[in-house]
C-alpha atoms as a PDB file:
ATOM      1  CA  UNK A   1     -10.931 -14.556  49.390  1.00  0.00           C
ATOM      2  CA  UNK A   2     -12.891 -16.558  47.360  1.00  0.00           C
ATOM      3  CA  UNK A   3     -16.058 -16.132  44.767  1.00  0.00           C
ATOM      4  CA  UNK A   4     -18.527 -17.935  47.738  1.00  0.00           C
ATOM      5  CA  UNK A   5     -16.990 -15.762  50.639  1.00  0.00           C
ATOM      6  CA  UNK A   6     -17.288 -12.439  48.847  1.00  0.00           C
ATOM      7  CA  UNK A   7     -20.596 -14.088  48.261  1.00  0.00           C
ATOM      8  CA  UNK A   8     -21.511 -14.636  51.644  1.00  0.00           C
ATOM      9  CA  UNK A   9     -19.997 -11.103  52.983  1.00  0.00           C
ATOM     10  CA  UNK A  10     -22.032  -8.651  50.568  1.00  0.00           C
ATOM     11  CA  UNK A  11     -24.912 -11.161  51.601  1.00  0.00           C
ATOM     12  CA  UNK A  12     -24.129 -10.433  55.376  1.00  0.00           C
ATOM     13  CA  UNK A  13     -23.621  -6.659  54.721  1.00  0.00           C
ATOM     14  CA  UNK A  14     -27.104  -6.583  53.011  1.00  0.00           C
ATOM     15  CA  UNK A  15     -28.687  -8.382  55.466  1.00  0.00           C
ATOM     16  CA  UNK A  16     -27.353  -6.177  58.040  1.00  0.00           C
ATOM     17  CA  UNK A  17     -28.415  -3.007  56.084  1.00  0.00           C
ATOM     18  CA  UNK A  18     -31.701  -4.424  55.143  1.00  0.00           C
ATOM     19  CA  UNK A  19     -32.322  -4.877  58.965  1.00  0.00           C
ATOM     20  CA  UNK A  20     -30.965  -1.612  60.025  1.00  0.00           C
ATOM     21  CA  UNK A  21     -33.076   0.237  57.003  1.00  0.00           C
ATOM     22  CA  UNK A  22     -35.921  -1.764  58.715  1.00  0.00           C
ATOM     23  CA  UNK A  23     -35.340  -0.837  62.306  1.00  0.00           C
ATOM     24  CA  UNK A  24     -34.612   3.028  61.278  1.00  0.00           C
ATOM     25  CA  UNK A  25     -38.149   3.075  59.380  1.00  0.00           C
ATOM     26  CA  UNK A  26     -39.830   1.756  62.404  1.00  0.00           C
ATOM     27  CA  UNK A  27     -38.580   4.095  64.528  1.00  0.00           C
ATOM     28  CA  UNK A  28     -39.191   6.919  62.547  1.00  0.00           C
ATOM     29  CA  UNK A  29     -42.805   6.073  62.147  1.00  0.00           C
ATOM     30  CA  UNK A  30     -43.272   5.359  65.692  1.00  0.00           C
ATOM     31  CA  UNK A  31     -41.823   8.531  66.375  1.00  0.00           C
ATOM     32  CA  UNK A  32     -43.569  10.219  63.774  1.00  0.00           C
ATOM     33  CA  UNK A  33     -47.268   8.715  65.117  1.00  0.00           C
ATOM     34  CA  UNK A  34     -46.160   9.468  68.407  1.00  0.00           C
ATOM     35  CA  UNK A  35     -45.605  13.715  67.229  1.00  0.00           C
ATOM     36  CA  UNK A  36     -49.132  13.432  65.678  1.00  0.00           C
ATOM     37  CA  UNK A  37     -50.940  11.974  68.880  1.00  0.00           C
ATOM     38  CA  UNK A  38     -49.167  14.468  71.127  1.00  0.00           C
ATOM     39  CA  UNK A  39     -50.358  17.188  68.554  1.00  0.00           C
ATOM     40  CA  UNK A  40     -53.661  15.971  68.704  1.00  0.00           C
ATOM     41  CA  UNK A  41     -54.036  15.930  72.039  1.00  0.00           C
ATOM     42  CA  UNK A  42     -52.845  19.316  72.803  1.00  0.00           C
ATOM     43  CA  UNK A  43     -55.760  20.389  70.592  1.00  0.00           C
ATOM     44  CA  UNK A  44     -58.576  21.319  72.436  1.00  0.00           C
ATOM     45  CA  UNK A  45     -62.333  19.097  72.543  1.00  0.00           C
ATOM     46  CA  UNK A  46     -64.468  20.189  70.359  1.00  0.00           C
ATOM     47  CA  UNK A  47     -66.744  20.801  72.895  1.00  0.00           C
ATOM     48  CA  UNK A  48     -64.677  23.700  74.121  1.00  0.00           C
ATOM     49  CA  UNK A  49     -64.774  25.154  70.590  1.00  0.00           C
ATOM     50  CA  UNK A  50     -68.549  25.563  70.945  1.00  0.00           C
ATOM     51  CA  UNK A  51     -67.998  27.305  74.156  1.00  0.00           C
ATOM     52  CA  UNK A  52     -68.530  31.256  74.735  1.00  0.00           C
ATOM     53  CA  UNK A  53     -65.182  33.017  73.825  1.00  0.00           C
ATOM     54  CA  UNK A  54     -63.633  34.518  76.981  1.00  0.00           C
ATOM     55  CA  UNK A  55     -65.101  37.875  77.595  1.00  0.00           C
ATOM     56  CA  UNK A  56     -62.387  39.676  76.315  1.00  0.00           C
ATOM     57  CA  UNK A  57     -63.196  38.845  72.933  1.00  0.00           C
ATOM     58  CA  UNK A  58     -66.821  40.064  73.088  1.00  0.00           C
ATOM     59  CA  UNK A  59     -67.244  43.336  72.273  1.00  0.00           C
ATOM     60  CA  UNK A  60     -70.093  45.226  74.183  1.00  0.00           C
ATOM     61  CA  UNK A  61     -71.821  48.306  72.384  1.00  0.00           C
ATOM     62  CA  UNK A  62     -70.869  51.476  73.891  1.00  0.00           C
ATOM     63  CA  UNK A  63     -73.535  51.830  76.678  1.00  0.00           C
ATOM     64  CA  UNK A  64     -73.797  55.552  75.750  1.00  0.00           C
ATOM     65  CA  UNK A  65     -75.429  55.200  72.846  1.00  0.00           C
ATOM     66  CA  UNK A  66     -77.660  51.815  73.684  1.00  0.00           C
ATOM     67  CA  UNK A  67     -81.261  51.644  74.298  1.00  0.00           C
ATOM     68  CA  UNK A  68     -82.758  48.988  77.100  1.00  0.00           C
ATOM     69  CA  UNK A  69     -86.113  47.688  76.044  1.00  0.00           C
ATOM     70  CA  UNK A  70     -88.223  45.506  78.277  1.00  0.00           C
ATOM     71  CA  UNK A  71     -91.638  43.919  76.820  1.00  0.00           C
ATOM     72  CA  UNK A  72     -94.458  44.493  79.705  1.00  0.00           C
ATOM     73  CA  UNK A  73     -94.855  41.003  80.205  1.00  0.00           C
ATOM     74  CA  UNK A  74     -91.508  40.645  81.220  1.00  0.00           C
ATOM     75  CA  UNK A  75     -91.389  43.770  83.965  1.00  0.00           C
ATOM     76  CA  UNK A  76     -94.755  41.930  85.440  1.00  0.00           C
ATOM     77  CA  UNK A  77     -93.010  38.121  85.452  1.00  0.00           C
ATOM     78  CA  UNK A  78     -89.635  38.903  86.850  1.00  0.00           C
ATOM     79  CA  UNK A  79     -89.265  41.139  90.065  1.00  0.00           C
ATOM     80  CA  UNK A  80     -85.938  40.709  91.416  1.00  0.00           C
ATOM     81  CA  UNK A  81     -83.029  38.485  90.850  1.00  0.00           C
ATOM     82  CA  UNK A  82     -80.503  36.927  93.392  1.00  0.00           C
ATOM     83  CA  UNK A  83     -76.599  38.282  93.504  1.00  0.00           C
ATOM     84  CA  UNK A  84     -74.279  36.168  95.368  1.00  0.00           C
ATOM     85  CA  UNK A  85     -71.820  38.375  97.223  1.00  0.00           C
ATOM     86  CA  UNK A  86     -68.228  36.508  97.945  1.00  0.00           C
ATOM     87  CA  UNK A  87     -65.428  37.832  99.793  1.00  0.00           C
ATOM     88  CA  UNK A  88     -62.176  36.829  98.472  1.00  0.00           C
ATOM     89  CA  UNK A  89     -59.984  37.169 101.636  1.00  0.00           C
ATOM     90  CA  UNK A  90     -62.755  35.375 103.596  1.00  0.00           C
ATOM     91  CA  UNK A  91     -63.711  33.416 101.039  1.00  0.00           C
ATOM     92  CA  UNK A  92     -67.065  33.302 102.666  1.00  0.00           C
ATOM     93  CA  UNK A  93     -70.175  34.117 100.399  1.00  0.00           C
ATOM     94  CA  UNK A  94     -74.018  34.992 100.657  1.00  0.00           C
ATOM     95  CA  UNK A  95     -77.100  35.618  98.423  1.00  0.00           C
ATOM     96  CA  UNK A  96     -78.951  38.496  98.250  1.00  0.00           C
ATOM     97  CA  UNK A  97     -82.711  38.830  96.859  1.00  0.00           C
ATOM     98  CA  UNK A  98     -82.954  42.195  95.386  1.00  0.00           C
ATOM     99  CA  UNK A  99     -85.850  43.974  93.515  1.00  0.00           C
ATOM    100  CA  UNK A 100     -85.026  45.167  89.980  1.00  0.00           C
ATOM    101  CA  UNK A 101     -84.702  48.943  90.611  1.00  0.00           C
ATOM    102  CA  UNK A 102     -83.630  48.532  94.078  1.00  0.00           C
ATOM    103  CA  UNK A 103     -80.066  48.925  95.680  1.00  0.00           C
ATOM    104  CA  UNK A 104     -78.475  47.246  98.448  1.00  0.00           C
ATOM    105  CA  UNK A 105     -75.183  47.176 100.254  1.00  0.00           C
ATOM    106  CA  UNK A 106     -72.799  45.078 100.716  1.00  0.00           C
ATOM    107  CA  UNK A 107     -72.082  44.742 104.336  1.00  0.00           C
ATOM    108  CA  UNK A 108     -68.659  45.188 105.665  1.00  0.00           C
ATOM    109  CA  UNK A 109     -67.795  47.721 102.742  1.00  0.00           C
ATOM    110  CA  UNK A 110     -68.584  50.729 101.219  1.00  0.00           C
ATOM    111  CA  UNK A 111     -70.117  49.344  98.345  1.00  0.00           C
ATOM    112  CA  UNK A 112     -73.809  49.763  96.755  1.00  0.00           C
ATOM    113  CA  UNK A 113     -75.327  47.760  94.089  1.00  0.00           C
ATOM    114  CA  UNK A 114     -77.918  49.078  92.114  1.00  0.00           C
ATOM    115  CA  UNK A 115     -79.975  46.699  89.829  1.00  0.00           C
ATOM    116  CA  UNK A 116     -81.143  48.552  86.732  1.00  0.00           C
ATOM    117  CA  UNK A 117     -82.483  45.690  84.093  1.00  0.00           C
ATOM    118  CA  UNK A 118     -83.096  42.139  83.861  1.00  0.00           C
ATOM    119  CA  UNK A 119     -83.529  40.471  80.639  1.00  0.00           C
ATOM    120  CA  UNK A 120     -84.437  36.580  80.466  1.00  0.00           C
ATOM    121  CA  UNK A 121     -83.030  35.934  76.999  1.00  0.00           C
ATOM    122  CA  UNK A 122     -80.746  38.908  76.607  1.00  0.00           C
ATOM    123  CA  UNK A 123     -80.149  40.210  72.565  1.00  0.00           C
ATOM    124  CA  UNK A 124     -78.397  42.907  71.402  1.00  0.00           C
ATOM    125  CA  UNK A 125     -79.990  44.019  67.881  1.00  0.00           C
ATOM    126  CA  UNK A 126     -78.825  47.170  66.688  1.00  0.00           C
ATOM    127  CA  UNK A 127     -78.555  49.890  69.538  1.00  0.00           C
ATOM    128  CA  UNK A 128     -80.824  48.081  71.684  1.00  0.00           C
ATOM    129  CA  UNK A 129     -80.361  45.689  74.925  1.00  0.00           C
ATOM    130  CA  UNK A 130     -83.919  43.553  74.581  1.00  0.00           C
ATOM    131  CA  UNK A 131     -84.810  40.086  74.976  1.00  0.00           C
ATOM    132  CA  UNK A 132     -85.760  37.331  72.397  1.00  0.00           C
ATOM    133  CA  UNK A 133     -88.283  35.536  74.685  1.00  0.00           C
ATOM    134  CA  UNK A 134     -89.392  35.162  78.200  1.00  0.00           C
ATOM    135  CA  UNK A 135     -87.299  31.951  78.525  1.00  0.00           C
ATOM    136  CA  UNK A 136     -84.764  31.720  80.364  1.00  0.00           C
ATOM    137  CA  UNK A 137     -82.551  31.312  77.591  1.00  0.00           C
ATOM    138  CA  UNK A 138     -79.930  33.797  78.670  1.00  0.00           C
ATOM    139  CA  UNK A 139     -80.872  35.705  81.537  1.00  0.00           C
ATOM    140  CA  UNK A 140     -78.831  38.961  82.363  1.00  0.00           C
ATOM    141  CA  UNK A 141     -78.748  41.811  85.010  1.00  0.00           C
ATOM    142  CA  UNK A 142     -77.669  45.008  84.412  1.00  0.00           C
ATOM    143  CA  UNK A 143     -76.247  46.317  87.843  1.00  0.00           C
ATOM    144  CA  UNK A 144     -74.549  49.685  88.805  1.00  0.00           C
ATOM    145  CA  UNK A 145     -72.096  49.664  91.624  1.00  0.00           C
ATOM    146  CA  UNK A 146     -70.619  52.499  93.128  1.00  0.00           C
ATOM    147  CA  UNK A 147     -67.932  52.333  96.112  1.00  0.00           C
ATOM    148  CA  UNK A 148     -67.922  55.406  98.684  1.00  0.00           C
ATOM    149  CA  UNK A 149     -70.277  57.213  96.178  1.00  0.00           C
ATOM    150  CA  UNK A 150     -68.395  56.907  93.238  1.00  0.00           C
ATOM    151  CA  UNK A 151     -69.451  54.705  90.388  1.00  0.00           C
ATOM    152  CA  UNK A 152     -66.468  51.540  89.707  1.00  0.00           C
ATOM    153  CA  UNK A 153     -68.853  49.413  87.355  1.00  0.00           C
ATOM    154  CA  UNK A 154     -71.906  49.756  85.045  1.00  0.00           C
ATOM    155  CA  UNK A 155     -72.539  46.505  83.205  1.00  0.00           C
ATOM    156  CA  UNK A 156     -74.171  43.387  82.727  1.00  0.00           C
ATOM    157  CA  UNK A 157     -73.972  40.222  84.932  1.00  0.00           C
ATOM    158  CA  UNK A 158     -74.911  36.880  83.011  1.00  0.00           C
ATOM    159  CA  UNK A 159     -76.329  34.013  85.057  1.00  0.00           C
ATOM    160  CA  UNK A 160     -75.025  31.160  82.893  1.00  0.00           C
ATOM    161  CA  UNK A 161     -71.594  33.181  81.553  1.00  0.00           C
ATOM    162  CA  UNK A 162     -70.056  34.589  84.592  1.00  0.00           C
ATOM    163  CA  UNK A 163     -67.171  35.217  83.198  1.00  0.00           C
ATOM    164  CA  UNK A 164     -68.283  37.470  80.546  1.00  0.00           C
ATOM    165  CA  UNK A 165     -67.755  41.262  81.653  1.00  0.00           C
ATOM    166  CA  UNK A 166     -67.763  39.799  85.500  1.00  0.00           C
ATOM    167  CA  UNK A 167     -67.510  42.662  88.048  1.00  0.00           C
ATOM    168  CA  UNK A 168     -63.755  43.332  89.298  1.00  0.00           C
ATOM    169  CA  UNK A 169     -62.953  44.622  92.967  1.00  0.00           C
ATOM    170  CA  UNK A 170     -60.236  43.444  95.189  1.00  0.00           C
ATOM    171  CA  UNK A 171     -62.080  42.034  97.717  1.00  0.00           C
ATOM    172  CA  UNK A 172     -65.544  41.444  96.691  1.00  0.00           C
ATOM    173  CA  UNK A 173     -67.215  39.372  93.690  1.00  0.00           C
ATOM    174  CA  UNK A 174     -70.892  39.867  92.258  1.00  0.00           C
ATOM    175  CA  UNK A 175     -71.954  37.182  90.503  1.00  0.00           C
ATOM    176  CA  UNK A 176     -75.729  36.592  88.967  1.00  0.00           C
ATOM    177  CA  UNK A 177     -77.097  33.338  90.663  1.00  0.00           C
ATOM    178  CA  UNK A 178     -80.527  33.632  89.243  1.00  0.00           C
ATOM    179  CA  UNK A 179     -84.146  35.713  88.865  1.00  0.00           C
ATOM    180  CA  UNK A 180     -87.191  35.434  90.861  1.00  0.00           C
ATOM    181  CA  UNK A 181     -90.671  36.048  89.938  1.00  0.00           C
ATOM    182  CA  UNK A 182     -91.445  37.114  93.699  1.00  0.00           C
ATOM    183  CA  UNK A 183     -90.047  38.740  96.576  1.00  0.00           C
END
Protein backbone atom coordinates (compact mmCIF):
# COMPACT_ATOMS: atom_id res chain seq x y z
CA UNK A 1 0.00 0.00 0.00
CA UNK A 2 1.53 3.30 -0.91
CA UNK A 3 1.45 6.58 0.98
CA UNK A 4 -1.39 8.04 -1.10
CA UNK A 5 -3.66 5.04 -0.48
CA UNK A 6 -2.92 5.17 3.27
CA UNK A 7 -3.71 8.90 3.31
CA UNK A 8 -7.05 8.30 1.52
CA UNK A 9 -7.92 5.43 3.89
CA UNK A 10 -7.14 7.53 7.01
CA UNK A 11 -9.04 10.42 5.52
CA UNK A 12 -12.04 8.13 4.78
CA UNK A 13 -11.95 6.70 8.32
CA UNK A 14 -11.73 10.21 9.75
CA UNK A 15 -14.70 11.31 7.62
CA UNK A 16 -16.69 8.26 8.67
CA UNK A 17 -15.69 8.76 12.33
CA UNK A 18 -16.56 12.43 12.14
CA UNK A 19 -19.96 11.67 10.58
CA UNK A 20 -20.62 9.02 13.25
CA UNK A 21 -19.65 11.48 15.97
CA UNK A 22 -21.95 14.15 14.51
CA UNK A 23 -24.82 11.65 14.23
CA UNK A 24 -24.33 10.39 17.80
CA UNK A 25 -24.18 13.98 19.07
CA UNK A 26 -27.36 14.93 17.22
CA UNK A 27 -29.23 11.87 18.52
CA UNK A 28 -28.02 12.58 22.07
CA UNK A 29 -29.10 16.21 21.87
CA UNK A 30 -32.53 15.29 20.50
CA UNK A 31 -33.16 12.64 23.11
CA UNK A 32 -31.99 14.86 25.95
CA UNK A 33 -34.26 17.68 24.75
CA UNK A 34 -37.11 15.19 24.43
CA UNK A 35 -36.53 14.13 28.04
CA UNK A 36 -36.51 17.73 29.11
CA UNK A 37 -39.78 18.36 27.30
CA UNK A 38 -41.35 15.32 28.98
CA UNK A 39 -40.22 16.54 32.38
CA UNK A 40 -41.66 19.99 31.71
CA UNK A 41 -44.93 18.51 30.44
CA UNK A 42 -45.37 16.43 33.61
CA UNK A 43 -45.00 19.47 35.86
CA UNK A 44 -48.36 20.96 36.87
CA UNK A 45 -49.23 24.26 35.24
CA UNK A 46 -48.67 27.31 37.44
CA UNK A 47 -52.42 27.80 37.89
CA UNK A 48 -52.65 24.49 39.72
CA UNK A 49 -49.90 25.49 42.11
CA UNK A 50 -51.92 28.44 43.39
CA UNK A 51 -55.15 26.51 43.88
CA UNK A 52 -56.48 25.58 47.30
CA UNK A 53 -54.74 22.39 48.50
CA UNK A 54 -56.68 19.16 48.78
CA UNK A 55 -58.74 18.82 51.93
CA UNK A 56 -56.28 16.33 53.45
CA UNK A 57 -53.66 19.10 53.58
CA UNK A 58 -55.79 21.60 55.49
CA UNK A 59 -55.81 21.18 59.24
CA UNK A 60 -58.89 22.64 60.87
CA UNK A 61 -58.65 23.38 64.58
CA UNK A 62 -60.49 21.11 66.98
CA UNK A 63 -64.13 22.24 67.07
CA UNK A 64 -64.38 21.74 70.82
CA UNK A 65 -62.12 24.69 71.56
CA UNK A 66 -63.44 26.98 68.82
CA UNK A 67 -65.90 29.85 69.10
CA UNK A 68 -68.04 31.26 66.32
CA UNK A 69 -68.36 35.04 66.15
CA UNK A 70 -70.94 36.36 63.70
CA UNK A 71 -71.30 40.15 63.52
CA UNK A 72 -74.93 41.38 63.83
CA UNK A 73 -74.94 42.84 60.31
CA UNK A 74 -74.12 39.37 58.94
CA UNK A 75 -76.90 37.71 60.95
CA UNK A 76 -79.36 40.33 59.68
CA UNK A 77 -78.26 40.11 56.03
CA UNK A 78 -78.10 36.34 55.38
CA UNK A 79 -81.22 34.36 56.28
CA UNK A 80 -80.49 30.97 54.75
CA UNK A 81 -78.57 28.82 52.32
CA UNK A 82 -79.22 26.54 49.38
CA UNK A 83 -77.90 23.03 49.94
CA UNK A 84 -77.74 20.62 47.00
CA UNK A 85 -78.45 16.98 47.84
CA UNK A 86 -77.21 14.42 45.31
CA UNK A 87 -78.42 10.83 45.40
CA UNK A 88 -75.30 9.01 44.17
CA UNK A 89 -77.25 5.89 43.15
CA UNK A 90 -79.79 7.63 40.90
CA UNK A 91 -77.53 10.64 40.18
CA UNK A 92 -80.52 12.90 40.82
CA UNK A 93 -79.92 16.14 42.69
CA UNK A 94 -82.23 18.63 44.31
CA UNK A 95 -81.70 22.05 45.87
CA UNK A 96 -83.14 22.89 49.29
CA UNK A 97 -83.57 26.40 50.72
CA UNK A 98 -82.89 26.13 54.44
CA UNK A 99 -83.06 28.88 57.06
CA UNK A 100 -79.93 29.26 59.12
CA UNK A 101 -80.64 27.46 62.37
CA UNK A 102 -83.28 25.14 60.86
CA UNK A 103 -83.22 21.40 60.30
CA UNK A 104 -84.44 19.49 57.27
CA UNK A 105 -84.76 15.81 56.43
CA UNK A 106 -83.36 14.38 53.23
CA UNK A 107 -86.29 12.67 51.46
CA UNK A 108 -85.93 8.92 51.06
CA UNK A 109 -83.44 8.67 53.91
CA UNK A 110 -83.10 8.87 57.66
CA UNK A 111 -80.70 11.81 57.34
CA UNK A 112 -81.35 15.15 59.04
CA UNK A 113 -79.30 18.27 58.29
CA UNK A 114 -79.11 21.14 60.79
CA UNK A 115 -77.69 24.46 59.59
CA UNK A 116 -75.76 26.16 62.38
CA UNK A 117 -73.84 29.24 61.24
CA UNK A 118 -73.12 31.09 58.01
CA UNK A 119 -70.00 33.18 57.36
CA UNK A 120 -69.71 35.09 54.05
CA UNK A 121 -65.91 35.51 54.21
CA UNK A 122 -64.84 32.58 56.41
CA UNK A 123 -61.66 33.04 58.39
CA UNK A 124 -60.01 31.51 61.44
CA UNK A 125 -58.07 33.67 63.87
CA UNK A 126 -56.74 31.98 66.99
CA UNK A 127 -59.68 29.95 68.32
CA UNK A 128 -62.42 31.93 66.57
CA UNK A 129 -64.36 31.19 63.38
CA UNK A 130 -65.53 34.51 61.97
CA UNK A 131 -65.82 36.55 58.80
CA UNK A 132 -63.24 38.89 57.32
CA UNK A 133 -65.97 40.98 55.67
CA UNK A 134 -69.61 41.02 54.62
CA UNK A 135 -68.56 40.22 51.04
CA UNK A 136 -69.04 36.71 49.60
CA UNK A 137 -65.30 36.04 49.28
CA UNK A 138 -65.21 32.66 51.05
CA UNK A 139 -68.79 31.65 51.92
CA UNK A 140 -69.14 28.76 54.37
CA UNK A 141 -72.01 27.12 56.24
CA UNK A 142 -71.55 25.03 59.35
CA UNK A 143 -73.85 22.01 59.40
CA UNK A 144 -74.52 19.02 61.57
CA UNK A 145 -75.74 15.83 59.91
CA UNK A 146 -77.33 12.92 61.76
CA UNK A 147 -78.58 9.59 60.52
CA UNK A 148 -81.16 7.74 62.60
CA UNK A 149 -80.47 10.25 65.39
CA UNK A 150 -76.69 9.63 65.46
CA UNK A 151 -74.34 12.48 64.47
CA UNK A 152 -72.31 11.48 61.40
CA UNK A 153 -70.86 14.87 60.41
CA UNK A 154 -70.33 18.28 61.95
CA UNK A 155 -68.30 20.78 60.00
CA UNK A 156 -68.13 23.51 57.42
CA UNK A 157 -69.17 23.30 53.78
CA UNK A 158 -67.48 25.82 51.49
CA UNK A 159 -69.27 27.18 48.45
CA UNK A 160 -66.14 27.79 46.38
CA UNK A 161 -64.16 24.79 47.64
CA UNK A 162 -66.62 21.89 47.87
CA UNK A 163 -63.82 19.31 48.15
CA UNK A 164 -62.49 20.87 51.36
CA UNK A 165 -63.90 18.84 54.26
CA UNK A 166 -66.80 17.41 52.28
CA UNK A 167 -69.69 15.48 53.79
CA UNK A 168 -69.01 11.81 53.00
CA UNK A 169 -71.79 9.25 52.78
CA UNK A 170 -72.32 6.09 50.73
CA UNK A 171 -75.52 7.29 49.10
CA UNK A 172 -75.85 11.06 49.53
CA UNK A 173 -73.66 14.06 48.81
CA UNK A 174 -74.32 17.50 50.31
CA UNK A 175 -72.85 20.66 48.83
CA UNK A 176 -73.30 24.33 49.67
CA UNK A 177 -74.67 26.00 46.55
CA UNK A 178 -75.28 29.58 47.71
CA UNK A 179 -76.40 31.85 50.54
CA UNK A 180 -79.74 33.62 50.39
CA UNK A 181 -80.69 36.92 51.97
CA UNK A 182 -84.42 36.17 52.13
CA UNK A 183 -86.55 33.04 52.22
